[in-house]
Protein backbone atom coordinates (compact mmCIF):
# COMPACT_ATOMS: atom_id res chain seq x y z
CA MET A 1 12.60 -62.88 -8.10
CA ASN A 2 12.16 -59.38 -9.06
CA LEU A 3 10.02 -57.94 -11.90
CA VAL A 4 11.88 -55.26 -13.63
CA ARG A 5 11.65 -53.12 -16.85
CA GLU A 6 14.90 -52.23 -18.68
CA SER A 7 15.20 -49.25 -20.89
CA GLY A 8 11.43 -49.46 -21.41
CA LEU A 9 11.76 -52.40 -23.85
CA PHE A 10 11.04 -55.86 -22.39
CA VAL A 11 9.68 -56.91 -19.08
CA ARG A 12 11.63 -59.83 -17.62
CA LEU A 13 12.35 -61.76 -14.43
CA VAL A 14 15.67 -61.36 -12.70
CA ARG A 15 17.04 -63.82 -10.02
CA SER A 16 18.94 -62.14 -7.18
CA GLY A 17 22.42 -63.50 -7.24
CA SER A 18 21.88 -65.40 -10.53
CA LYS A 19 23.31 -64.60 -13.92
CA PRO A 20 21.81 -65.82 -17.22
CA LEU A 21 24.62 -67.62 -19.06
CA ALA A 22 23.09 -68.60 -22.35
CA PHE A 23 22.92 -65.84 -24.94
CA GLY A 24 19.93 -65.51 -27.35
CA LEU A 25 16.56 -63.89 -28.60
CA GLY A 26 13.07 -65.27 -29.36
CA ALA A 27 10.14 -64.12 -31.64
CA GLY A 28 6.42 -65.04 -32.06
CA MET A 29 3.57 -64.97 -34.68
CA LEU A 30 0.81 -67.38 -33.78
CA LEU A 31 2.23 -67.61 -30.34
CA PHE A 32 3.68 -64.68 -28.37
CA SER A 33 5.27 -65.13 -25.00
CA ILE A 34 8.10 -63.93 -22.78
CA HIS A 35 10.50 -66.67 -21.80
CA MET A 36 13.35 -67.11 -19.41
CA LEU A 37 16.38 -69.10 -20.61
CA TRP A 38 19.50 -69.89 -18.72
CA GLY A 39 22.25 -72.29 -19.79
CA ASP A 40 25.92 -73.02 -19.13
CA VAL A 41 27.95 -71.87 -22.10
CA LYS A 42 31.11 -73.59 -20.93
CA THR A 43 29.67 -77.04 -20.32
CA GLY A 44 26.73 -76.69 -22.76
CA THR A 45 24.34 -78.07 -20.04
CA PRO A 46 20.97 -76.30 -20.20
CA ASN A 47 19.13 -75.50 -17.03
CA PRO A 48 15.43 -75.85 -16.85
CA VAL A 49 13.56 -73.27 -18.91
CA LYS A 50 11.66 -70.68 -16.96
CA LYS A 51 8.82 -68.99 -18.57
CA LYS A 52 6.84 -65.89 -17.82
CA VAL A 53 3.86 -65.50 -20.07
CA LEU A 54 2.65 -61.98 -20.70
CA THR A 55 -0.71 -61.23 -22.28
CA LEU A 56 -0.97 -60.52 -25.92
CA GLU A 57 -2.04 -56.93 -25.14
CA THR A 58 1.06 -56.20 -22.97
CA ALA A 59 3.47 -57.73 -25.54
CA ALA A 60 1.84 -55.91 -28.44
CA ARG A 61 2.71 -52.58 -26.84
CA LEU A 62 6.40 -53.42 -27.14
CA LEU A 63 6.96 -55.03 -30.55
CA GLU A 64 5.14 -54.65 -33.85
CA ASP A 65 4.82 -57.76 -35.90
CA SER A 66 3.18 -56.93 -39.16
CA LEU A 67 2.77 -58.20 -42.61
CA LEU A 68 5.00 -56.32 -45.04
CA PHE A 69 3.90 -58.10 -48.11
CA GLN A 70 2.19 -61.28 -49.29
CA LYS A 71 1.94 -62.82 -52.74
CA GLY A 72 0.96 -66.41 -52.56
CA THR A 73 2.11 -67.24 -56.06
CA LEU A 74 5.78 -66.80 -54.92
CA GLY A 75 5.66 -69.89 -52.71
CA THR A 76 7.88 -70.06 -49.64
CA ILE A 77 10.30 -67.13 -49.28
CA THR A 78 13.74 -68.72 -48.77
CA GLY A 79 16.16 -65.93 -49.85
CA MET A 80 16.12 -62.15 -49.29
CA VAL A 81 18.75 -59.51 -50.28
CA PHE A 82 18.92 -55.77 -49.36
CA SER A 83 21.05 -53.17 -51.24
CA PRO A 84 20.87 -49.42 -50.28
CA PRO A 85 18.90 -47.71 -53.17
CA GLY A 86 20.06 -44.66 -54.95
CA SER A 87 16.39 -43.55 -55.34
CA ASP A 88 12.83 -44.46 -54.20
CA SER A 89 12.21 -45.94 -57.56
CA GLN A 90 15.27 -48.17 -57.45
CA PRO A 91 14.75 -51.74 -56.04
CA ALA A 92 16.38 -52.19 -52.58
CA LEU A 93 14.83 -55.49 -51.36
CA ALA A 94 14.69 -58.68 -53.50
CA VAL A 95 12.91 -61.78 -52.13
CA ALA A 96 12.74 -65.15 -53.79
CA GLY A 97 10.45 -68.08 -53.25
CA ASP A 98 9.83 -71.41 -54.88
CA TYR A 99 7.81 -70.05 -57.74
CA GLY A 100 8.85 -66.51 -58.20
CA ALA A 101 10.51 -63.33 -56.78
CA ALA A 102 9.46 -59.69 -56.00
CA TYR A 103 11.18 -56.39 -55.64
CA PHE A 104 10.55 -53.43 -53.07
CA SER A 105 11.81 -49.95 -52.76
CA GLY A 106 13.84 -48.83 -49.75
CA LYS A 107 10.59 -47.69 -48.10
CA GLY A 108 9.08 -51.19 -48.58
CA VAL A 109 6.86 -50.24 -51.52
CA PHE A 110 6.24 -53.07 -53.93
CA LEU A 111 7.75 -52.52 -57.32
CA SER A 112 7.57 -55.65 -59.49
CA ALA A 113 7.39 -59.41 -59.54
CA VAL A 114 8.98 -62.20 -61.53
CA LYS A 115 7.38 -65.65 -62.14
CA PHE A 116 9.83 -68.63 -62.44
CA GLU A 117 9.65 -71.00 -65.40
CA ARG A 118 9.69 -74.02 -63.01
CA LYS A 119 9.68 -74.58 -59.26
CA GLY A 120 12.97 -74.01 -57.52
CA PHE A 121 14.18 -75.12 -54.02
CA ARG A 122 15.91 -72.81 -51.55
CA MET A 123 15.86 -69.87 -54.00
CA VAL A 124 18.25 -66.98 -53.31
CA PRO A 125 18.56 -63.70 -55.30
CA VAL A 126 22.10 -63.21 -56.79
CA ASP A 127 23.44 -60.05 -58.37
CA LEU A 128 25.53 -61.30 -61.31
CA LYS A 129 26.65 -57.89 -62.68
CA GLY A 130 26.29 -55.53 -59.75
CA ASP A 131 23.21 -53.77 -61.40
CA ARG A 132 20.50 -55.03 -59.03
CA ASN A 133 19.07 -56.97 -61.90
CA HIS A 134 19.13 -60.21 -59.97
CA ALA A 135 19.38 -63.79 -61.15
CA PHE A 136 18.04 -66.40 -58.85
CA MET A 137 20.18 -69.32 -57.51
CA ASN A 138 18.48 -72.66 -56.85
CA ARG A 139 20.58 -73.88 -53.84
CA GLY A 140 19.03 -77.34 -53.89
CA GLY A 141 19.54 -79.70 -51.07
CA ASP A 142 18.66 -83.25 -50.14
CA GLY A 143 19.99 -84.65 -53.46
CA GLN A 144 17.96 -82.22 -55.68
CA GLN A 145 19.70 -80.61 -58.65
CA VAL A 146 20.97 -77.07 -58.30
CA GLY A 147 20.88 -74.28 -60.93
CA LEU A 148 20.38 -70.67 -61.94
CA PHE A 149 17.29 -68.74 -63.15
CA ASP A 150 17.77 -65.52 -65.08
CA SER A 151 16.34 -62.16 -64.23
CA GLU A 152 13.18 -63.00 -66.27
CA GLY A 153 12.62 -66.24 -64.28
CA ARG A 154 13.84 -68.56 -67.08
CA VAL A 155 16.12 -71.50 -66.37
CA ALA A 156 19.60 -70.35 -67.46
CA TRP A 157 21.21 -73.67 -66.47
CA ARG A 158 20.81 -76.67 -64.21
CA TYR A 159 23.50 -78.91 -62.66
CA GLY A 160 23.13 -82.42 -61.37
CA LEU A 161 20.51 -83.71 -63.71
CA GLY A 162 21.23 -87.36 -64.10
CA VAL A 163 24.53 -86.96 -62.17
CA ASP A 164 25.52 -89.68 -59.73
CA PRO A 165 26.33 -88.75 -57.06
CA ALA A 166 23.84 -85.94 -56.81
CA PRO A 167 24.44 -82.35 -55.51
CA ASN A 168 23.75 -81.52 -51.89
CA ASN A 169 24.02 -77.75 -51.86
CA MET A 170 25.27 -74.72 -53.71
CA ALA A 171 26.72 -71.34 -52.85
CA ALA A 172 27.52 -68.20 -54.87
CA GLY A 173 30.30 -65.65 -54.40
CA ASP A 174 33.28 -64.08 -56.09
CA LEU A 175 36.39 -66.28 -55.92
CA ASP A 176 38.65 -64.79 -58.48
CA GLY A 177 38.53 -61.07 -57.76
CA ASP A 178 36.48 -60.00 -60.81
CA ASP A 179 33.37 -58.82 -58.70
CA ARG A 180 31.29 -61.50 -60.44
CA PRO A 181 30.07 -64.64 -58.54
CA GLU A 182 31.07 -68.15 -59.22
CA PHE A 183 29.06 -71.18 -57.93
CA ALA A 184 30.45 -73.87 -55.63
CA VAL A 185 28.56 -77.12 -55.49
CA GLY A 186 28.97 -79.73 -52.77
CA MET A 187 28.25 -83.28 -54.00
CA ASN A 188 26.95 -86.40 -52.26
CA GLY A 189 29.01 -89.56 -51.88
CA GLU A 190 32.44 -89.25 -53.42
CA GLY A 191 31.46 -86.50 -55.75
CA GLY A 192 33.57 -83.87 -53.91
CA ILE A 193 33.35 -80.12 -54.81
CA ARG A 194 32.76 -78.65 -58.15
CA LEU A 195 33.23 -74.93 -59.11
CA LEU A 196 30.93 -73.60 -61.83
CA ASN A 197 31.18 -70.32 -63.80
CA GLN A 198 28.15 -68.09 -64.51
CA GLN A 199 27.18 -70.33 -67.39
CA GLY A 200 27.15 -73.38 -65.30
CA LYS A 201 30.31 -74.84 -66.73
CA GLU A 202 32.78 -76.72 -64.53
CA LYS A 203 36.07 -74.85 -63.74
CA TRP A 204 37.56 -77.44 -61.49
CA LYS A 205 36.86 -80.39 -59.15
CA GLN A 206 38.25 -81.28 -55.85
CA PRO A 207 37.86 -84.57 -54.01
CA ASP A 208 35.83 -84.87 -50.71
CA ILE A 209 33.09 -87.10 -49.30
CA ASN A 210 29.46 -86.13 -48.70
CA VAL A 211 29.85 -82.29 -48.81
CA TRP A 212 26.68 -81.44 -46.88
CA HIS A 213 26.68 -77.65 -47.02
CA MET A 214 28.58 -74.85 -48.76
CA GLU A 215 29.15 -71.08 -48.18
CA ILE A 216 31.41 -68.52 -49.83
CA LEU A 217 32.53 -65.75 -47.73
CA ASP A 218 35.63 -63.80 -46.54
CA VAL A 219 36.53 -65.82 -43.43
CA ASP A 220 39.69 -63.97 -42.34
CA GLY A 221 38.88 -60.34 -43.40
CA ASP A 222 41.67 -60.13 -46.05
CA GLY A 223 39.28 -59.07 -48.81
CA LYS A 224 39.32 -62.48 -50.49
CA ASN A 225 36.49 -64.98 -50.33
CA GLU A 226 37.00 -68.55 -49.37
CA ILE A 227 34.93 -71.69 -49.63
CA VAL A 228 33.59 -73.13 -46.39
CA HIS A 229 31.89 -76.52 -46.34
CA SER A 230 31.15 -79.58 -44.06
CA ASN A 231 31.68 -83.12 -44.98
CA VAL A 232 30.96 -86.79 -43.96
CA SER A 233 33.24 -86.68 -40.93
CA GLY A 234 31.40 -83.57 -39.51
CA GLN A 235 34.57 -81.42 -40.14
CA VAL A 236 34.42 -77.73 -41.42
CA ARG A 237 36.92 -77.21 -44.22
CA ILE A 238 38.12 -73.87 -45.71
CA ARG A 239 39.42 -73.79 -49.33
CA ASP A 240 40.75 -71.03 -51.54
CA GLY A 241 39.31 -69.99 -54.87
CA ASP A 242 41.19 -72.84 -56.63
CA GLY A 243 39.81 -75.44 -54.20
CA LYS A 244 43.06 -75.84 -52.29
CA LEU A 245 42.48 -76.96 -48.75
CA LEU A 246 43.81 -74.26 -46.51
CA ARG A 247 42.75 -75.61 -43.07
CA GLU A 248 40.13 -77.38 -41.11
CA ILE A 249 38.31 -75.83 -38.25
CA PRO A 250 39.08 -77.92 -35.04
CA ALA A 251 35.40 -78.04 -33.98
CA LYS A 252 34.73 -80.35 -31.17
CA THR A 253 31.30 -81.36 -32.30
CA PHE A 254 29.79 -82.86 -35.55
CA VAL A 255 28.88 -80.07 -38.16
CA ALA A 256 26.67 -80.89 -41.11
CA ALA A 257 24.00 -78.35 -42.28
CA PHE A 258 25.45 -75.16 -40.74
CA SER A 259 24.67 -71.52 -41.59
CA VAL A 260 26.75 -68.24 -41.15
CA CYS A 261 25.90 -64.97 -39.63
CA ARG A 262 27.70 -61.78 -38.28
CA TRP A 263 28.55 -61.60 -34.52
CA PRO A 264 28.00 -59.89 -32.25
CA ASP A 265 26.59 -57.27 -34.45
CA ALA A 266 26.29 -56.31 -38.14
CA ASN A 267 29.85 -54.98 -37.95
CA GLY A 268 31.33 -58.04 -36.47
CA GLY A 269 33.12 -60.88 -38.14
CA TRP A 270 31.54 -63.96 -39.56
CA ALA A 271 30.53 -66.84 -37.30
CA LEU A 272 29.26 -70.37 -37.92
CA LEU A 273 25.88 -71.47 -36.56
CA ASN A 274 25.71 -75.20 -35.94
CA ASN A 275 22.69 -77.27 -34.82
CA ASN A 276 23.95 -80.09 -32.61
CA GLN A 277 20.94 -81.93 -31.19
CA LEU A 278 22.89 -83.13 -28.11
CA GLU A 279 24.87 -79.97 -27.23
CA GLY A 280 22.51 -77.20 -28.34
CA ILE A 281 22.77 -74.68 -31.08
CA GLN A 282 26.37 -73.45 -31.09
CA LEU A 283 27.83 -70.21 -32.49
CA MET A 284 31.60 -70.73 -33.44
CA ASP A 285 34.26 -68.50 -34.81
CA PHE A 286 36.32 -69.86 -37.61
CA ALA A 287 39.11 -70.89 -35.25
CA GLY A 288 36.72 -73.45 -33.78
CA ASN A 289 36.10 -71.40 -30.58
CA ALA A 290 32.63 -71.55 -29.07
CA LEU A 291 31.23 -67.99 -28.82
CA THR A 292 27.94 -68.93 -27.20
CA LYS A 293 25.19 -71.59 -27.15
CA PHE A 294 21.47 -71.51 -27.48
CA PHE A 295 18.94 -73.92 -26.03
CA PRO A 296 15.59 -73.07 -27.45
CA PRO A 297 12.57 -75.11 -26.27
CA VAL A 298 12.17 -76.89 -29.67
CA LYS A 299 14.21 -79.33 -31.76
CA GLY A 300 14.60 -78.70 -35.48
CA ARG A 301 16.85 -79.51 -38.41
CA ARG A 302 18.26 -76.23 -39.99
CA VAL A 303 18.98 -73.08 -38.00
CA TYR A 304 19.66 -69.54 -39.24
CA GLY A 305 20.48 -66.41 -37.14
CA THR A 306 21.22 -62.76 -37.28
CA PRO A 307 21.96 -59.96 -34.83
CA VAL A 308 19.33 -57.12 -35.04
CA ARG A 309 19.51 -53.69 -33.46
CA LEU A 310 15.92 -53.01 -32.64
CA SER A 311 16.82 -49.97 -30.40
CA ALA A 312 19.63 -47.53 -30.78
CA SER A 313 20.01 -47.40 -26.97
CA GLU A 314 20.06 -51.19 -26.53
CA LYS A 315 22.66 -53.90 -27.33
CA PRO A 316 21.69 -55.91 -30.45
CA TYR A 317 19.27 -58.77 -30.12
CA PHE A 318 19.82 -62.10 -31.75
CA ALA A 319 17.22 -63.58 -34.03
CA LEU A 320 17.24 -67.40 -34.20
CA LEU A 321 15.27 -69.23 -36.68
CA VAL A 322 14.79 -73.01 -36.00
CA CYS A 323 13.39 -74.75 -39.11
CA ASP A 324 11.67 -78.16 -39.77
CA CYS A 325 10.84 -78.67 -36.08
CA VAL A 326 9.62 -81.96 -34.70
CA PRO A 327 6.99 -83.18 -34.43
CA ARG A 328 4.83 -80.56 -36.40
CA ASN A 329 7.25 -79.90 -39.32
CA ASP A 330 6.95 -76.02 -38.59
CA THR A 331 9.42 -73.27 -37.80
CA ARG A 332 10.07 -71.23 -34.69
CA LEU A 333 11.53 -67.70 -34.51
CA PHE A 334 13.17 -66.63 -31.24
CA LEU A 335 14.62 -63.24 -30.34
CA TYR A 336 17.29 -63.42 -27.58
CA ASP A 337 18.36 -60.33 -25.54
CA ALA A 338 21.90 -59.54 -24.56
CA ASP A 339 21.36 -61.35 -21.26
CA GLY A 340 20.49 -64.64 -22.98
CA GLU A 341 16.64 -64.49 -22.39
CA ILE A 342 14.09 -65.30 -25.05
CA VAL A 343 11.86 -62.16 -25.35
CA PHE A 344 9.76 -63.16 -28.41
CA ASP A 345 8.62 -66.40 -29.79
CA LYS A 346 6.87 -66.79 -33.14
CA ARG A 347 5.50 -69.98 -34.81
CA LEU A 348 5.40 -70.31 -38.57
CA LEU A 349 3.40 -73.08 -40.18
CA THR A 350 6.09 -74.05 -42.63
CA PRO A 351 9.31 -76.12 -42.38
CA ARG A 352 11.38 -73.50 -44.36
CA ALA A 353 11.76 -69.76 -43.77
CA SER A 354 14.34 -66.99 -44.00
CA LEU A 355 15.76 -63.92 -42.15
CA LEU A 356 17.14 -60.57 -43.03
CA THR A 357 17.93 -57.33 -41.30
CA VAL A 358 17.16 -54.00 -43.00
CA PRO A 359 17.58 -50.35 -41.88
CA GLY A 360 15.00 -49.17 -39.27
CA ASP A 361 12.67 -46.19 -39.19
CA THR A 362 15.17 -44.27 -37.01
CA PRO A 363 19.02 -43.86 -37.23
CA GLU A 364 21.09 -46.75 -35.95
CA THR A 365 18.16 -49.09 -35.71
CA GLU A 366 17.17 -52.12 -37.78
CA LYS A 367 14.07 -54.07 -38.57
CA LEU A 368 13.93 -57.88 -38.88
CA LEU A 369 12.25 -59.34 -41.87
CA VAL A 370 11.00 -62.97 -41.93
CA GLY A 371 10.04 -64.76 -45.07
CA GLU A 372 7.72 -67.78 -44.88
CA SER A 373 5.11 -69.77 -46.81
CA GLU A 374 2.46 -68.35 -49.19
CA GLY A 375 4.77 -65.54 -50.24
CA ALA A 376 4.55 -63.73 -46.89
CA VAL A 377 7.20 -61.44 -45.53
CA TRP A 378 6.69 -60.23 -41.98
CA GLN A 379 8.52 -57.20 -40.39
CA ILE A 380 9.32 -57.05 -36.69
CA ARG A 381 10.36 -53.78 -35.14
CA LEU A 382 10.12 -51.82 -31.85
CA LYS A 383 7.03 -49.72 -31.76
CA PRO A 384 7.59 -46.08 -31.59
CA VAL A 385 7.34 -44.60 -28.13
CA LYS A 386 4.83 -41.86 -27.94
CA SER A 387 5.65 -38.97 -25.72
CA THR A 388 3.28 -38.38 -22.68
CA GLN A 389 4.61 -34.87 -22.06
CA GLY A 390 2.76 -31.86 -23.05
CA ASN A 391 3.90 -29.35 -25.62
């Protein structure tokens, strides 16, 4: 093995004649280490994990992991949205937790906070009118009711109260081309799919069974959003704005609580991230093709990911958030480099968390934001390199 430094970013071990096959990134808060991870993307069979632990002092010279904001009354931060501001006084970053939300300027300065009328679950900011005056969607999950809170934190409407079967999940997005979001709800049992307007009234129903998870996004890049959902058979289905089934993704593995992200960078197409306990965490395109697989050293329930360009001279890293891990019911954040090695590993003492990339401090770079419990939002970025040359 040879110890090398690449582009002054991360120290890693390289095997002569070997090539890392699994692609990924890792991050750390309470625990900070450099890992080696190889796997076989084609077969999905992970090789033994190799780990090279660096000292905290060495690792701290490379990445800055700092607390951007904390307001305990917000609860666990489960949704974050960034919109480029027109001025420093305009809100750019909106974050939502179980009990409230907060707004920040483009420079990360706290502007204001909103207290929710009642506790939500998996709360996400939603811009109903394109004016940055967000409402807050209660995505629900595990049979809990879904709903919408207005910009003042009051309950605008709830759906699923006393309904049998109960909702599993809700997603928001424009499905009729009016630049205003509708709300698609996946139901448990034989409840199928329901589309709600901004007032929470049903527009249509479509049959399906155990619709575990929902997303609304432009799958094929034609400028029109589609509904993407999983169901009882582990299939991923794509529907148009009227609920008509367009096609099923010919996935070779069972898909339930998936998430979506861009790939391989922020300008890439949408991809589906699926946590399969037997075959690793799979990143697939919407034709069912496997793009890569991740084999983190933990097992969890829900997974989220995003590419992040920490350095303008480096390929993007990939941030992978593994939530509700066993046996500690915590969350682990990993940053993978372009060679498939975990270079950062952060443990969060909460079963739920969230990820978002925002513009970095220098052109063509990004910072990674991580929302967790007690209203905390962390920022992870590459530390500025100080010049050692004289003037």
